[in-house]
Amino acid sequence: MEFWERYAIALLVVALMLGGLSLLGRGLQRLRRPRGSRRIEVLESVMIAPQASIHVVRIGSRCMLLGAGRERVTALGDVPDEGGSSR
């Protein structure tokens, strides 16, 4: 009986761990914001050098062109919104 008792306890521990992970996953899903409610969205990015890139970002209803380097991000200017993201 000792083997079967240990086997039953091991199954119980595994079941409790899986149940806990399931509850944790459900809780984390509730914390995420729905995709449609994001105020900042990266529309497009292009690498122009190994440590430099340009990004078109929508913040609310405003679209901006940002330059990103190794140590800083610089607003390069506003761009006209073409009526929707490409994603």
Protein backbone atom coordinates (compact mmCIF):
# COMPACT_ATOMS: atom_id res chain seq x y z
CA MET A 1 0.00 0.00 0.00
CA GLU A 2 2.87 2.39 0.52
CA PHE A 3 3.46 2.66 -3.26
CA TRP A 4 -0.20 3.41 -3.98
CA GLU A 5 -0.39 6.01 -1.21
CA ARG A 6 2.64 7.83 -2.61
CA TYR A 7 1.20 7.54 -6.12
CA ALA A 8 -2.12 9.03 -5.00
CA ILE A 9 -0.37 11.87 -3.16
CA ALA A 10 1.78 12.63 -6.22
CA LEU A 11 -1.34 12.72 -8.43
CA LEU A 12 -3.04 15.04 -5.95
CA VAL A 13 -0.03 17.39 -5.90
CA VAL A 14 0.10 17.49 -9.73
CA ALA A 15 -3.65 18.14 -9.92
CA LEU A 16 -3.38 20.98 -7.40
CA MET A 17 -0.46 22.51 -9.32
CA LEU A 18 -2.38 22.36 -12.62
CA GLY A 19 -5.44 23.87 -10.98
CA GLY A 20 -3.34 26.67 -9.51
CA LEU A 21 -1.73 27.41 -12.88
CA SER A 22 -5.16 27.49 -14.50
CA LEU A 23 -6.44 30.00 -11.93
CA LEU A 24 -3.28 32.08 -12.33
CA GLY A 25 -3.73 32.16 -16.10
CA ARG A 26 -7.34 33.32 -15.76
CA GLY A 27 -6.30 36.05 -13.33
CA LEU A 28 -3.57 37.30 -15.67
CA GLN A 29 -6.03 37.45 -18.58
CA ARG A 30 -8.27 39.76 -16.55
CA LEU A 31 -5.35 42.10 -15.91
CA ARG A 32 -4.57 42.55 -19.61
CA ARG A 33 -6.19 45.44 -21.38
CA PRO A 34 -8.14 44.61 -24.50
CA ARG A 35 -6.17 45.34 -27.68
CA GLY A 36 -8.69 47.92 -28.86
CA SER A 37 -8.24 50.06 -25.76
CA ARG A 38 -4.54 50.77 -26.22
CA ARG A 39 -3.77 54.45 -26.58
CA ILE A 40 -0.30 53.93 -28.10
CA GLU A 41 0.17 51.75 -31.19
CA VAL A 42 3.32 51.18 -33.28
CA LEU A 43 2.15 51.27 -36.90
CA GLU A 44 5.48 50.60 -38.59
CA SER A 45 9.19 50.30 -37.74
CA VAL A 46 12.27 50.34 -39.95
CA MET A 47 15.86 49.66 -38.92
CA ILE A 48 18.15 52.20 -40.61
CA ALA A 49 21.38 51.15 -38.87
CA PRO A 50 22.41 48.44 -36.39
CA GLN A 51 21.35 50.56 -33.41
CA ALA A 52 18.98 53.08 -35.03
CA SER A 53 15.40 52.81 -36.19
CA ILE A 54 12.45 54.94 -37.26
CA HIS A 55 8.93 54.28 -35.97
CA VAL A 56 5.50 55.56 -36.96
CA VAL A 57 3.43 55.64 -33.78
CA ARG A 58 -0.23 56.50 -33.22
CA ILE A 59 -0.96 58.13 -29.86
CA GLY A 60 -4.70 58.60 -29.59
CA SER A 61 -5.66 60.25 -32.88
CA ARG A 62 -2.18 61.70 -33.54
CA CYS A 63 0.48 59.96 -35.65
CA MET A 64 4.14 60.74 -35.02
CA LEU A 65 7.46 59.80 -36.58
CA LEU A 66 10.02 58.82 -33.92
CA GLY A 67 13.72 58.18 -34.29
CA ALA A 68 15.23 55.71 -31.83
CA GLY A 69 18.92 55.27 -31.18
CA ARG A 70 20.92 53.35 -28.64
CA GLU A 71 20.42 55.91 -25.88
CA ARG A 72 17.47 58.12 -26.87
CA VAL A 73 14.16 58.50 -28.70
CA THR A 74 13.55 61.70 -30.66
CA ALA A 75 10.26 63.02 -32.04
CA LEU A 76 10.94 63.75 -35.71
CA GLY A 77 7.52 65.18 -36.48
CA ASP A 78 3.85 64.53 -37.12
CA VAL A 79 2.69 62.43 -40.06
CA PRO A 80 -0.78 62.38 -41.59
CA ASP A 81 -2.93 59.47 -40.46
CA GLU A 82 -3.94 57.33 -43.44
CA GLY A 83 -7.16 56.11 -41.78
CA GLY A 84 -6.05 52.90 -40.09
CA SER A 85 -3.17 50.74 -39.09
CA SER A 86 -1.60 48.18 -41.39
CA ARG A 87 -2.01 45.41 -38.79
